[in-house]
PDB file of N, CA and C in Angstrom:
ATOM      1  N   LEU A   1     105.833  82.971 104.124  1.00  0.00           N
ATOM      2  CA  LEU A   1     106.759  82.798 105.234  1.00  0.00           C
ATOM      3  C   LEU A   1     106.178  81.759 106.198  1.00  0.00           C
ATOM      4  N   THR A   2     106.430  80.521 105.928  1.00  0.00           N
ATOM      5  CA  THR A   2     105.889  79.412 106.689  1.00  0.00           C
ATOM      6  C   THR A   2     106.315  79.459 108.150  1.00  0.00           C
ATOM      7  N   GLY A   3     105.341  79.294 109.054  1.00  0.00           N
ATOM      8  CA  GLY A   3     105.629  79.193 110.474  1.00  0.00           C
ATOM      9  C   GLY A   3     105.784  80.501 111.209  1.00  0.00           C
ATOM     10  N   VAL A   4     105.608  81.623 110.542  1.00  0.00           N
ATOM     11  CA  VAL A   4     105.795  82.906 111.220  1.00  0.00           C
ATOM     12  C   VAL A   4     104.583  83.830 111.034  1.00  0.00           C
ATOM     13  N   ARG A   5     103.440  83.281 110.698  1.00  0.00           N
ATOM     14  CA  ARG A   5     102.284  84.106 110.353  1.00  0.00           C
ATOM     15  C   ARG A   5     101.798  85.005 111.472  1.00  0.00           C
ATOM     16  N   TRP A   6     102.088  84.679 112.727  1.00  0.00           N
ATOM     17  CA  TRP A   6     101.607  85.524 113.832  1.00  0.00           C
ATOM     18  C   TRP A   6     102.665  86.505 114.326  1.00  0.00           C
ATOM     19  N   PHE A   7     103.839  86.486 113.755  1.00  0.00           N
ATOM     20  CA  PHE A   7     104.896  87.389 114.177  1.00  0.00           C
ATOM     21  C   PHE A   7     104.755  88.736 113.483  1.00  0.00           C
ATOM     22  N   ASN A   8     105.267  89.777 114.116  1.00  0.00           N
ATOM     23  CA  ASN A   8     105.248  91.111 113.518  1.00  0.00           C
ATOM     24  C   ASN A   8     106.491  91.332 112.671  1.00  0.00           C
ATOM     25  N   ILE A   9     106.292  91.622 111.391  1.00  0.00           N
ATOM     26  CA  ILE A   9     107.411  91.976 110.519  1.00  0.00           C
ATOM     27  C   ILE A   9     107.795  93.413 110.825  1.00  0.00           C
ATOM     28  N   ALA A  10     109.052  93.619 111.198  1.00  0.00           N
ATOM     29  CA  ALA A  10     109.519  94.954 111.556  1.00  0.00           C
ATOM     30  C   ALA A  10     110.378  95.572 110.464  1.00  0.00           C
ATOM     31  N   SER A  11     111.018  94.732 109.661  1.00  0.00           N
ATOM     32  CA  SER A  11     111.919  95.286 108.649  1.00  0.00           C
ATOM     33  C   SER A  11     112.124  94.301 107.505  1.00  0.00           C
ATOM     34  N   VAL A  12     112.447  94.878 106.360  1.00  0.00           N
ATOM     35  CA  VAL A  12     112.740  94.112 105.157  1.00  0.00           C
ATOM     36  C   VAL A  12     113.990  94.719 104.528  1.00  0.00           C
ATOM     37  N   ALA A  13     114.913  93.879 104.092  1.00  0.00           N
ATOM     38  CA  ALA A  13     116.113  94.356 103.391  1.00  0.00           C
ATOM     39  C   ALA A  13     116.309  93.524 102.132  1.00  0.00           C
ATOM     40  N   ILE A  14     116.627  94.203 101.043  1.00  0.00           N
ATOM     41  CA  ILE A  14     116.893  93.541  99.777  1.00  0.00           C
ATOM     42  C   ILE A  14     118.364  93.726  99.453  1.00  0.00           C
ATOM     43  N   ASP A  15     119.015  92.623  99.136  1.00  0.00           N
ATOM     44  CA  ASP A  15     120.434  92.660  98.786  1.00  0.00           C
ATOM     45  C   ASP A  15     120.613  93.595  97.582  1.00  0.00           C
ATOM     46  N   PRO A  16     121.515  94.580  97.686  1.00  0.00           N
ATOM     47  CA  PRO A  16     121.697  95.539  96.597  1.00  0.00           C
ATOM     48  C   PRO A  16     122.326  94.953  95.335  1.00  0.00           C
ATOM     49  N   VAL A  17     122.945  93.795  95.448  1.00  0.00           N
ATOM     50  CA  VAL A  17     123.583  93.162  94.298  1.00  0.00           C
ATOM     51  C   VAL A  17     122.670  92.097  93.681  1.00  0.00           C
ATOM     52  N   HIS A  18     121.994  91.342  94.531  1.00  0.00           N
ATOM     53  CA  HIS A  18     121.117  90.254  94.081  1.00  0.00           C
ATOM     54  C   HIS A  18     119.708  90.534  94.590  1.00  0.00           C
ATOM     55  N   SER A  19     118.871  91.114  93.751  1.00  0.00           N
ATOM     56  CA  SER A  19     117.544  91.547  94.196  1.00  0.00           C
ATOM     57  C   SER A  19     116.630  90.400  94.601  1.00  0.00           C
ATOM     58  N   GLU A  20     116.966  89.181  94.232  1.00  0.00           N
ATOM     59  CA  GLU A  20     116.153  88.046  94.659  1.00  0.00           C
ATOM     60  C   GLU A  20     116.511  87.576  96.069  1.00  0.00           C
ATOM     61  N   HIS A  21     117.549  88.159  96.667  1.00  0.00           N
ATOM     62  CA  HIS A  21     117.935  87.871  98.052  1.00  0.00           C
ATOM     63  C   HIS A  21     117.241  88.873  98.962  1.00  0.00           C
ATOM     64  N   ILE A  22     116.338  88.384  99.791  1.00  0.00           N
ATOM     65  CA  ILE A  22     115.520  89.249 100.645  1.00  0.00           C
ATOM     66  C   ILE A  22     115.574  88.736 102.080  1.00  0.00           C
ATOM     67  N   TYR A  23     115.710  89.667 103.011  1.00  0.00           N
ATOM     68  CA  TYR A  23     115.713  89.360 104.440  1.00  0.00           C
ATOM     69  C   TYR A  23     114.472  89.998 105.073  1.00  0.00           C
ATOM     70  N   VAL A  24     113.847  89.294 106.021  1.00  0.00           N
ATOM     71  CA  VAL A  24     112.691  89.823 106.745  1.00  0.00           C
ATOM     72  C   VAL A  24     112.971  89.639 108.234  1.00  0.00           C
ATOM     73  N   GLY A  25     112.858  90.738 109.010  1.00  0.00           N
ATOM     74  CA  GLY A  25     113.118  90.704 110.447  1.00  0.00           C
ATOM     75  C   GLY A  25     111.838  90.806 111.256  1.00  0.00           C
ATOM     76  N   PHE A  26     111.826  90.137 112.419  1.00  0.00           N
ATOM     77  CA  PHE A  26     110.632  90.058 113.270  1.00  0.00           C
ATOM     78  C   PHE A  26     110.887  90.602 114.674  1.00  0.00           C
ATOM     79  N   THR A  27     109.808  91.099 115.300  1.00  0.00           N
ATOM     80  CA  THR A  27     109.875  91.610 116.679  1.00  0.00           C
ATOM     81  C   THR A  27     108.803  90.938 117.536  1.00  0.00           C
ATOM     82  N   ASN A  28     108.648  91.501 118.741  1.00  0.00           N
ATOM     83  CA  ASN A  28     107.640  91.058 119.726  1.00  0.00           C
ATOM     84  C   ASN A  28     107.890  89.657 120.248  1.00  0.00           C
ATOM     85  N   GLY A  29     109.143  89.346 120.504  1.00  0.00           N
ATOM     86  CA  GLY A  29     109.491  88.081 121.147  1.00  0.00           C
ATOM     87  C   GLY A  29     109.421  86.863 120.260  1.00  0.00           C
ATOM     88  N   ALA A  30     109.416  87.058 118.961  1.00  0.00           N
ATOM     89  CA  ALA A  30     109.356  85.928 118.041  1.00  0.00           C
ATOM     90  C   ALA A  30     110.586  85.040 118.220  1.00  0.00           C
ATOM     91  N   PHE A  31     110.402  83.733 118.177  1.00  0.00           N
ATOM     92  CA  PHE A  31     111.548  82.822 118.236  1.00  0.00           C
ATOM     93  C   PHE A  31     112.370  82.935 116.966  1.00  0.00           C
ATOM     94  N   THR A  32     111.689  83.082 115.845  1.00  0.00           N
ATOM     95  CA  THR A  32     112.375  83.314 114.574  1.00  0.00           C
ATOM     96  C   THR A  32     112.624  84.811 114.473  1.00  0.00           C
ATOM     97  N   LYS A  33     113.857  85.220 114.397  1.00  0.00           N
ATOM     98  CA  LYS A  33     114.209  86.642 114.339  1.00  0.00           C
ATOM     99  C   LYS A  33     114.393  87.146 112.912  1.00  0.00           C
ATOM    100  N   LEU A  34     114.836  86.233 112.006  1.00  0.00           N
ATOM    101  CA  LEU A  34     115.161  86.648 110.651  1.00  0.00           C
ATOM    102  C   LEU A  34     114.940  85.492 109.689  1.00  0.00           C
ATOM    103  N   MET A  35     114.281  85.793 108.567  1.00  0.00           N
ATOM    104  CA  MET A  35     114.079  84.809 107.504  1.00  0.00           C
ATOM    105  C   MET A  35     114.771  85.345 106.252  1.00  0.00           C
ATOM    106  N   PHE A  36     115.191  84.413 105.372  1.00  0.00           N
ATOM    107  CA  PHE A  36     115.923  84.781 104.162  1.00  0.00           C
ATOM    108  C   PHE A  36     115.425  83.952 102.981  1.00  0.00           C
ATOM    109  N   THR A  37     115.363  84.603 101.826  1.00  0.00           N
ATOM    110  CA  THR A  37     115.085  83.901 100.576  1.00  0.00           C
ATOM    111  C   THR A  37     116.140  84.288  99.553  1.00  0.00           C
ATOM    112  N   ASN A  38     116.562  83.324  98.756  1.00  0.00           N
ATOM    113  CA  ASN A  38     117.504  83.641  97.680  1.00  0.00           C
ATOM    114  C   ASN A  38     116.852  83.442  96.311  1.00  0.00           C
ATOM    115  N   ASP A  39     115.509  83.245  96.312  1.00  0.00           N
ATOM    116  CA  ASP A  39     114.799  83.049  95.051  1.00  0.00           C
ATOM    117  C   ASP A  39     113.560  83.945  94.939  1.00  0.00           C
ATOM    118  N   GLY A  40     113.666  85.143  95.509  1.00  0.00           N
ATOM    119  CA  GLY A  40     112.585  86.118  95.386  1.00  0.00           C
ATOM    120  C   GLY A  40     111.340  85.814  96.187  1.00  0.00           C
ATOM    121  N   GLY A  41     111.417  84.906  97.146  1.00  0.00           N
ATOM    122  CA  GLY A  41     110.292  84.628  98.028  1.00  0.00           C
ATOM    123  C   GLY A  41     109.616  83.290  97.824  1.00  0.00           C
ATOM    124  N   LYS A  42     110.099  82.493  96.907  1.00  0.00           N
ATOM    125  CA  LYS A  42     109.494  81.170  96.698  1.00  0.00           C
ATOM    126  C   LYS A  42     109.790  80.241  97.868  1.00  0.00           C
ATOM    127  N   ASN A  43     111.004  80.291  98.367  1.00  0.00           N
ATOM    128  CA  ASN A  43     111.428  79.453  99.495  1.00  0.00           C
ATOM    129  C   ASN A  43     112.121  80.325 100.531  1.00  0.00           C
ATOM    130  N   TRP A  44     111.874  80.043 101.795  1.00  0.00           N
ATOM    131  CA  TRP A  44     112.429  80.830 102.890  1.00  0.00           C
ATOM    132  C   TRP A  44     113.166  79.919 103.857  1.00  0.00           C
ATOM    133  N   SER A  45     114.210  80.462 104.481  1.00  0.00           N
ATOM    134  CA  SER A  45     114.914  79.730 105.529  1.00  0.00           C
ATOM    135  C   SER A  45     115.142  80.653 106.723  1.00  0.00           C
ATOM    136  N   ASP A  46     115.239  80.034 107.889  1.00  0.00           N
ATOM    137  CA  ASP A  46     115.463  80.764 109.132  1.00  0.00           C
ATOM    138  C   ASP A  46     116.932  81.172 109.204  1.00  0.00           C
ATOM    139  N   PHE A  47     117.193  82.467 109.318  1.00  0.00           N
ATOM    140  CA  PHE A  47     118.554  82.983 109.448  1.00  0.00           C
ATOM    141  C   PHE A  47     118.828  83.507 110.852  1.00  0.00           C
ATOM    142  N   THR A  48     118.052  83.046 111.825  1.00  0.00           N
ATOM    143  CA  THR A  48     118.247  83.486 113.203  1.00  0.00           C
ATOM    144  C   THR A  48     119.587  82.998 113.727  1.00  0.00           C
ATOM    145  N   PHE A  49     119.954  81.764 113.386  1.00  0.00           N
ATOM    146  CA  PHE A  49     121.191  81.127 113.842  1.00  0.00           C
ATOM    147  C   PHE A  49     121.380  81.358 115.335  1.00  0.00           C
ATOM    148  N   ASP A  50     122.445  82.051 115.750  1.00  0.00           N
ATOM    149  CA  ASP A  50     122.732  82.241 117.169  1.00  0.00           C
ATOM    150  C   ASP A  50     122.371  83.646 117.667  1.00  0.00           C
ATOM    151  N   LEU A  51     121.497  84.349 116.953  1.00  0.00           N
ATOM    152  CA  LEU A  51     121.050  85.665 117.418  1.00  0.00           C
ATOM    153  C   LEU A  51     120.290  85.463 118.731  1.00  0.00           C
ATOM    154  N   PRO A  52     120.637  86.198 119.791  1.00  0.00           N
ATOM    155  CA  PRO A  52     120.018  85.957 121.095  1.00  0.00           C
ATOM    156  C   PRO A  52     118.501  86.141 121.087  1.00  0.00           C
ATOM    157  N   ARG A  53     117.847  85.433 121.974  1.00  0.00           N
ATOM    158  CA  ARG A  53     116.384  85.465 122.100  1.00  0.00           C
ATOM    159  C   ARG A  53     115.863  86.881 122.322  1.00  0.00           C
ATOM    160  N   PHE A  54     116.613  87.710 123.038  1.00  0.00           N
ATOM    161  CA  PHE A  54     116.174  89.074 123.357  1.00  0.00           C
ATOM    162  C   PHE A  54     116.443  90.060 122.216  1.00  0.00           C
ATOM    163  N   ALA A  55     117.058  89.608 121.136  1.00  0.00           N
ATOM    164  CA  ALA A  55     117.487  90.511 120.064  1.00  0.00           C
ATOM    165  C   ALA A  55     116.447  90.607 118.946  1.00  0.00           C
ATOM    166  N   ASP A  56     115.270  91.133 119.255  1.00  0.00           N
ATOM    167  CA  ASP A  56     114.276  91.364 118.209  1.00  0.00           C
ATOM    168  C   ASP A  56     114.864  92.280 117.142  1.00  0.00           C
ATOM    169  N   VAL A  57     114.581  91.990 115.881  1.00  0.00           N
ATOM    170  CA  VAL A  57     115.145  92.755 114.768  1.00  0.00           C
ATOM    171  C   VAL A  57     114.234  93.936 114.449  1.00  0.00           C
ATOM    172  N   ASP A  58     114.696  95.137 114.776  1.00  0.00           N
ATOM    173  CA  ASP A  58     113.914  96.357 114.548  1.00  0.00           C
ATOM    174  C   ASP A  58     114.194  96.973 113.186  1.00  0.00           C
ATOM    175  N   CYS A  59     115.399  96.804 112.675  1.00  0.00           N
ATOM    176  CA  CYS A  59     115.771  97.352 111.374  1.00  0.00           C
ATOM    177  C   CYS A  59     116.980  96.582 110.875  1.00  0.00           C
ATOM    178  N   MET A  60     117.248  96.685 109.583  1.00  0.00           N
ATOM    179  CA  MET A  60     118.427  96.020 109.029  1.00  0.00           C
ATOM    180  C   MET A  60     118.840  96.685 107.738  1.00  0.00           C
ATOM    181  N   ILE A  61     120.100  96.451 107.382  1.00  0.00           N
ATOM    182  CA  ILE A  61     120.622  96.999 106.139  1.00  0.00           C
ATOM    183  C   ILE A  61     121.799  96.141 105.687  1.00  0.00           C
ATOM    184  N   SER A  62     121.950  96.037 104.385  1.00  0.00           N
ATOM    185  CA  SER A  62     123.082  95.347 103.784  1.00  0.00           C
ATOM    186  C   SER A  62     124.045  96.409 103.274  1.00  0.00           C
ATOM    187  N   ASP A  63     125.338  96.086 103.277  1.00  0.00           N
ATOM    188  CA  ASP A  63     126.265  97.032 102.664  1.00  0.00           C
ATOM    189  C   ASP A  63     125.987  97.066 101.158  1.00  0.00           C
ATOM    190  N   HIS A  64     126.549  97.994 100.460  1.00  0.00           N
ATOM    191  CA  HIS A  64     126.235  98.180  99.042  1.00  0.00           C
ATOM    192  C   HIS A  64     126.836  97.106  98.131  1.00  0.00           C
ATOM    193  N   GLU A  65     127.650  96.232  98.698  1.00  0.00           N
ATOM    194  CA  GLU A  65     128.226  95.145  97.927  1.00  0.00           C
ATOM    195  C   GLU A  65     127.517  93.823  98.205  1.00  0.00           C
ATOM    196  N   GLY A  66     126.575  93.835  99.151  1.00  0.00           N
ATOM    197  CA  GLY A  66     125.843  92.626  99.491  1.00  0.00           C
ATOM    198  C   GLY A  66     126.659  91.603 100.254  1.00  0.00           C
ATOM    199  N   LYS A  67     127.749  92.027 100.873  1.00  0.00           N
ATOM    200  CA  LYS A  67     128.618  91.092 101.594  1.00  0.00           C
ATOM    201  C   LYS A  67     128.317  91.017 103.085  1.00  0.00           C
ATOM    202  N   ARG A  68     127.740  92.087 103.626  1.00  0.00           N
ATOM    203  CA  ARG A  68     127.487  92.138 105.065  1.00  0.00           C
ATOM    204  C   ARG A  68     126.040  92.533 105.331  1.00  0.00           C
ATOM    205  N   LEU A  69     125.464  91.935 106.343  1.00  0.00           N
ATOM    206  CA  LEU A  69     124.139  92.298 106.789  1.00  0.00           C
ATOM    207  C   LEU A  69     124.238  92.747 108.235  1.00  0.00           C
ATOM    208  N   PHE A  70     123.661  93.902 108.529  1.00  0.00           N
ATOM    209  CA  PHE A  70     123.628  94.443 109.876  1.00  0.00           C
ATOM    210  C   PHE A  70     122.174  94.502 110.318  1.00  0.00           C
ATOM    211  N   VAL A  71     121.919  94.122 111.571  1.00  0.00           N
ATOM    212  CA  VAL A  71     120.571  94.253 112.117  1.00  0.00           C
ATOM    213  C   VAL A  71     120.619  95.112 113.372  1.00  0.00           C
ATOM    214  N   GLY A  72     119.657  96.017 113.465  1.00  0.00           N
ATOM    215  CA  GLY A  72     119.471  96.808 114.673  1.00  0.00           C
ATOM    216  C   GLY A  72     118.440  96.104 115.525  1.00  0.00           C
ATOM    217  N   THR A  73     118.790  95.828 116.770  1.00  0.00           N
ATOM    218  CA  THR A  73     117.920  95.054 117.650  1.00  0.00           C
ATOM    219  C   THR A  73     117.568  95.864 118.897  1.00  0.00           C
ATOM    220  N   HIS A  74     116.872  95.217 119.801  1.00  0.00           N
ATOM    221  CA  HIS A  74     116.555  95.846 121.094  1.00  0.00           C
ATOM    222  C   HIS A  74     117.810  95.976 121.960  1.00  0.00           C
ATOM    223  N   SER A  75     118.905  95.364 121.524  1.00  0.00           N
ATOM    224  CA  SER A  75     120.126  95.381 122.332  1.00  0.00           C
ATOM    225  C   SER A  75     121.364  95.680 121.494  1.00  0.00           C
ATOM    226  N   GLY A  76     121.261  96.648 120.588  1.00  0.00           N
ATOM    227  CA  GLY A  76     122.418  97.046 119.802  1.00  0.00           C
ATOM    228  C   GLY A  76     122.401  96.510 118.380  1.00  0.00           C
ATOM    229  N   VAL A  77     123.573  96.589 117.722  1.00  0.00           N
ATOM    230  CA  VAL A  77     123.715  96.183 116.323  1.00  0.00           C
ATOM    231  C   VAL A  77     124.481  94.867 116.264  1.00  0.00           C
ATOM    232  N   TRP A  78     123.997  93.973 115.396  1.00  0.00           N
ATOM    233  CA  TRP A  78     124.638  92.680 115.175  1.00  0.00           C
ATOM    234  C   TRP A  78     125.001  92.565 113.703  1.00  0.00           C
ATOM    235  N   GLN A  79     126.086  91.851 113.424  1.00  0.00           N
ATOM    236  CA  GLN A  79     126.553  91.648 112.052  1.00  0.00           C
ATOM    237  C   GLN A  79     126.569  90.156 111.758  1.00  0.00           C
ATOM    238  N   LEU A  80     126.088  89.795 110.556  1.00  0.00           N
ATOM    239  CA  LEU A  80     126.037  88.396 110.162  1.00  0.00           C
ATOM    240  C   LEU A  80     127.250  88.020 109.331  1.00  0.00           C
ATOM    241  N   ASP A  81     127.912  86.947 109.731  1.00  0.00           N
ATOM    242  CA  ASP A  81     128.948  86.327 108.917  1.00  0.00           C
ATOM    243  C   ASP A  81     128.247  85.190 108.183  1.00  0.00           C
ATOM    244  N   THR A  82     127.900  85.411 106.921  1.00  0.00           N
ATOM    245  CA  THR A  82     127.105  84.432 106.180  1.00  0.00           C
ATOM    246  C   THR A  82     127.867  83.131 105.958  1.00  0.00           C
ATOM    247  N   ALA A  83     129.171  83.188 105.832  1.00  0.00           N
ATOM    248  CA  ALA A  83     129.957  81.973 105.619  1.00  0.00           C
ATOM    249  C   ALA A  83     129.910  81.071 106.853  1.00  0.00           C
ATOM    250  N   LEU A  84     130.016  81.659 108.027  1.00  0.00           N
ATOM    251  CA  LEU A  84     130.009  80.891 109.278  1.00  0.00           C
ATOM    252  C   LEU A  84     128.602  80.699 109.844  1.00  0.00           C
ATOM    253  N   LYS A  85     127.625  81.428 109.280  1.00  0.00           N
ATOM    254  CA  LYS A  85     126.251  81.429 109.807  1.00  0.00           C
ATOM    255  C   LYS A  85     126.269  81.779 111.285  1.00  0.00           C
ATOM    256  N   LYS A  86     126.946  82.888 111.570  1.00  0.00           N
ATOM    257  CA  LYS A  86     127.148  83.331 112.954  1.00  0.00           C
ATOM    258  C   LYS A  86     126.917  84.829 113.064  1.00  0.00           C
ATOM    259  N   TRP A  87     126.213  85.221 114.107  1.00  0.00           N
ATOM    260  CA  TRP A  87     125.987  86.639 114.415  1.00  0.00           C
ATOM    261  C   TRP A  87     126.983  87.091 115.464  1.00  0.00           C
ATOM    262  N   THR A  88     127.543  88.279 115.272  1.00  0.00           N
ATOM    263  CA  THR A  88     128.432  88.856 116.279  1.00  0.00           C
ATOM    264  C   THR A  88     127.957  90.266 116.593  1.00  0.00           C
ATOM    265  N   PRO A  89     128.017  90.646 117.874  1.00  0.00           N
ATOM    266  CA  PRO A  89     127.622  92.015 118.206  1.00  0.00           C
ATOM    267  C   PRO A  89     128.632  93.005 117.666  1.00  0.00           C
ATOM    268  N   LEU A  90     128.142  94.095 117.138  1.00  0.00           N
ATOM    269  CA  LEU A  90     129.015  95.156 116.644  1.00  0.00           C
ATOM    270  C   LEU A  90     129.224  96.101 117.815  1.00  0.00           C
ATOM    271  N   ASP A  91     130.223  95.801 118.608  1.00  0.00           N
ATOM    272  CA  ASP A  91     130.443  96.524 119.854  1.00  0.00           C
ATOM    273  C   ASP A  91     130.699  97.998 119.594  1.00  0.00           C
ATOM    274  N   ALA A  92     131.824  98.365 119.132  1.00  0.00           N
ATOM    275  CA  ALA A  92     132.189  99.739 118.749  1.00  0.00           C
ATOM    276  C   ALA A  92     131.736 100.801 119.739  1.00  0.00           C
ATOM    277  N   GLY A  93     131.558 100.426 121.012  1.00  0.00           N
ATOM    278  CA  GLY A  93     131.171 101.390 122.035  1.00  0.00           C
ATOM    279  C   GLY A  93     129.693 101.736 122.049  1.00  0.00           C
ATOM    280  N   LEU A  94     128.912 101.090 121.202  1.00  0.00           N
ATOM    281  CA  LEU A  94     127.470 101.363 121.161  1.00  0.00           C
ATOM    282  C   LEU A  94     126.811 100.972 122.475  1.00  0.00           C
ATOM    283  N   PRO A  95     125.834 101.753 122.920  1.00  0.00           N
ATOM    284  CA  PRO A  95     125.085 101.358 124.111  1.00  0.00           C
ATOM    285  C   PRO A  95     124.178 100.170 123.772  1.00  0.00           C
ATOM    286  N   SER A  96     123.834  99.391 124.771  1.00  0.00           N
ATOM    287  CA  SER A  96     122.954  98.242 124.564  1.00  0.00           C
ATOM    288  C   SER A  96     121.502  98.696 124.670  1.00  0.00           C
ATOM    289  N   VAL A  97     121.074  99.423 123.648  1.00  0.00           N
ATOM    290  CA  VAL A  97     119.706  99.950 123.596  1.00  0.00           C
ATOM    291  C   VAL A  97     119.098  99.619 122.240  1.00  0.00           C
ATOM    292  N   MET A  98     117.811  99.899 122.096  1.00  0.00           N
ATOM    293  CA  MET A  98     117.124  99.641 120.843  1.00  0.00           C
ATOM    294  C   MET A  98     117.691 100.514 119.731  1.00  0.00           C
ATOM    295  N   ILE A  99     117.941  99.879 118.590  1.00  0.00           N
ATOM    296  CA  ILE A  99     118.404 100.589 117.395  1.00  0.00           C
ATOM    297  C   ILE A  99     117.200 100.718 116.472  1.00  0.00           C
ATOM    298  N   SER A 100     116.809 101.948 116.172  1.00  0.00           N
ATOM    299  CA  SER A 100     115.585 102.159 115.398  1.00  0.00           C
ATOM    300  C   SER A 100     115.825 102.347 113.906  1.00  0.00           C
ATOM    301  N   ASP A 101     117.070 102.628 113.502  1.00  0.00           N
ATOM    302  CA  ASP A 101     117.343 102.782 112.079  1.00  0.00           C
ATOM    303  C   ASP A 101     118.835 102.615 111.832  1.00  0.00           C
ATOM    304  N   LEU A 102     119.159 102.104 110.642  1.00  0.00           N
ATOM    305  CA  LEU A 102     120.538 101.927 110.212  1.00  0.00           C
ATOM    306  C   LEU A 102     120.693 102.499 108.813  1.00  0.00           C
ATOM    307  N   GLU A 103     121.850 103.071 108.554  1.00  0.00           N
ATOM    308  CA  GLU A 103     122.165 103.590 107.218  1.00  0.00           C
ATOM    309  C   GLU A 103     123.622 103.269 106.929  1.00  0.00           C
ATOM    310  N   TRP A 104     123.915 102.885 105.696  1.00  0.00           N
ATOM    311  CA  TRP A 104     125.267 102.524 105.288  1.00  0.00           C
ATOM    312  C   TRP A 104     125.791 103.550 104.289  1.00  0.00           C
ATOM    313  N   ARG A 105     127.001 104.035 104.512  1.00  0.00           N
ATOM    314  CA  ARG A 105     127.643 104.951 103.565  1.00  0.00           C
ATOM    315  C   ARG A 105     128.814 104.216 102.933  1.00  0.00           C
ATOM    316  N   ALA A 106     128.645 103.849 101.664  1.00  0.00           N
ATOM    317  CA  ALA A 106     129.615 102.994 100.977  1.00  0.00           C
ATOM    318  C   ALA A 106     130.972 103.660 100.778  1.00  0.00           C
ATOM    319  N   ASP A 107     131.001 104.951 100.443  1.00  0.00           N
ATOM    320  CA  ASP A 107     132.274 105.592 100.110  1.00  0.00           C
ATOM    321  C   ASP A 107     133.216 105.716 101.301  1.00  0.00           C
ATOM    322  N   THR A 108     132.676 105.772 102.511  1.00  0.00           N
ATOM    323  CA  THR A 108     133.520 105.899 103.703  1.00  0.00           C
ATOM    324  C   THR A 108     133.480 104.650 104.584  1.00  0.00           C
ATOM    325  N   HIS A 109     132.697 103.640 104.188  1.00  0.00           N
ATOM    326  CA  HIS A 109     132.519 102.412 104.973  1.00  0.00           C
ATOM    327  C   HIS A 109     132.085 102.727 106.398  1.00  0.00           C
ATOM    328  N   GLU A 110     131.069 103.582 106.499  1.00  0.00           N
ATOM    329  CA  GLU A 110     130.533 103.966 107.805  1.00  0.00           C
ATOM    330  C   GLU A 110     129.100 103.492 107.943  1.00  0.00           C
ATOM    331  N   LEU A 111     128.800 102.988 109.124  1.00  0.00           N
ATOM    332  CA  LEU A 111     127.449 102.583 109.472  1.00  0.00           C
ATOM    333  C   LEU A 111     126.923 103.599 110.471  1.00  0.00           C
ATOM    334  N   PHE A 112     125.736 104.112 110.214  1.00  0.00           N
ATOM    335  CA  PHE A 112     125.092 105.049 111.116  1.00  0.00           C
ATOM    336  C   PHE A 112     123.953 104.328 111.813  1.00  0.00           C
ATOM    337  N   ALA A 113     123.878 104.473 113.127  1.00  0.00           N
ATOM    338  CA  ALA A 113     122.857 103.799 113.917  1.00  0.00           C
ATOM    339  C   ALA A 113     122.095 104.827 114.746  1.00  0.00           C
ATOM    340  N   ALA A 114     120.773 104.853 114.576  1.00  0.00           N
ATOM    341  CA  ALA A 114     119.908 105.712 115.386  1.00  0.00           C
ATOM    342  C   ALA A 114     119.441 104.894 116.583  1.00  0.00           C
ATOM    343  N   THR A 115     119.687 105.413 117.788  1.00  0.00           N
ATOM    344  CA  THR A 115     119.352 104.672 118.998  1.00  0.00           C
ATOM    345  C   THR A 115     118.107 105.253 119.660  1.00  0.00           C
ATOM    346  N   HIS A 116     117.564 104.469 120.574  1.00  0.00           N
ATOM    347  CA  HIS A 116     116.434 104.938 121.368  1.00  0.00           C
ATOM    348  C   HIS A 116     116.984 105.615 122.622  1.00  0.00           C
ATOM    349  N   GLY A 117     117.060 106.927 122.593  1.00  0.00           N
ATOM    350  CA  GLY A 117     117.478 107.685 123.765  1.00  0.00           C
ATOM    351  C   GLY A 117     118.961 107.972 123.892  1.00  0.00           C
ATOM    352  N   CYS A 118     119.789 107.476 122.984  1.00  0.00           N
ATOM    353  CA  CYS A 118     121.237 107.700 123.084  1.00  0.00           C
ATOM    354  C   CYS A 118     121.825 108.332 121.831  1.00  0.00           C
ATOM    355  N   GLY A 119     120.993 108.971 121.028  1.00  0.00           N
ATOM    356  CA  GLY A 119     121.475 109.719 119.877  1.00  0.00           C
ATOM    357  C   GLY A 119     121.820 108.869 118.663  1.00  0.00           C
ATOM    358  N   LEU A 120     122.535 109.497 117.750  1.00  0.00           N
ATOM    359  CA  LEU A 120     122.958 108.873 116.503  1.00  0.00           C
ATOM    360  C   LEU A 120     124.435 108.521 116.604  1.00  0.00           C
ATOM    361  N   TRP A 121     124.797 107.310 116.173  1.00  0.00           N
ATOM    362  CA  TRP A 121     126.169 106.842 116.255  1.00  0.00           C
ATOM    363  C   TRP A 121     126.732 106.583 114.866  1.00  0.00           C
ATOM    364  N   LYS A 122     128.007 106.907 114.683  1.00  0.00           N
ATOM    365  CA  LYS A 122     128.705 106.631 113.435  1.00  0.00           C
ATOM    366  C   LYS A 122     129.816 105.640 113.739  1.00  0.00           C
ATOM    367  N   ILE A 123     129.838 104.541 112.971  1.00  0.00           N
ATOM    368  CA  ILE A 123     130.810 103.482 113.191  1.00  0.00           C
ATOM    369  C   ILE A 123     131.572 103.262 111.901  1.00  0.00           C
ATOM    370  N   ARG A 124     132.872 103.448 111.952  1.00  0.00           N
ATOM    371  CA  ARG A 124     133.730 103.214 110.771  1.00  0.00           C
ATOM    372  C   ARG A 124     134.111 101.749 110.774  1.00  0.00           C
ATOM    373  N   LEU A 125     133.840 101.072 109.657  1.00  0.00           N
ATOM    374  CA  LEU A 125     134.126  99.644 109.556  1.00  0.00           C
ATOM    375  C   LEU A 125     135.200  99.392 108.517  1.00  0.00           C
ATOM    376  N   GLU A 126     135.946  98.347 108.737  1.00  0.00           N
ATOM    377  CA  GLU A 126     136.976  97.967 107.783  1.00  0.00           C
ATOM    378  C   GLU A 126     136.334  97.400 106.540  1.00  0.00           C
ATOM    379  N   GLU A 127     137.023  97.530 105.424  1.00  0.00           N
ATOM    380  CA  GLU A 127     136.519  97.000 104.146  1.00  0.00           C
ATOM    381  C   GLU A 127     136.557  95.495 104.120  1.00  0.00           C
TER     382      GLU A 127
END
């Protein structure tokens, strides 16, 4: 992971459809928030795009089809639109607090988010 050797890796996600697609998230104020490889780690690219500077990536998960990536940050959950290379906050009434864990339930299209101090949240997402 060129250029990020001093950053703290907080999370790793592997695409459930393409195992050579790997995401690595960073915390502790790193300028690079997320790196991605589509060749099993031979080459990496910065996938931070427009993720805000304060949005350290604490956890992440891909849906079971490999179409969506969600990251839990110090300020809520963000979703990546890979086609547009754009991050959007997953509002859904979530508090703007640290998200410590994410889980995806494929059969109901629900995302579960564990927060720091505000309990567990269930978010139903469209297919």
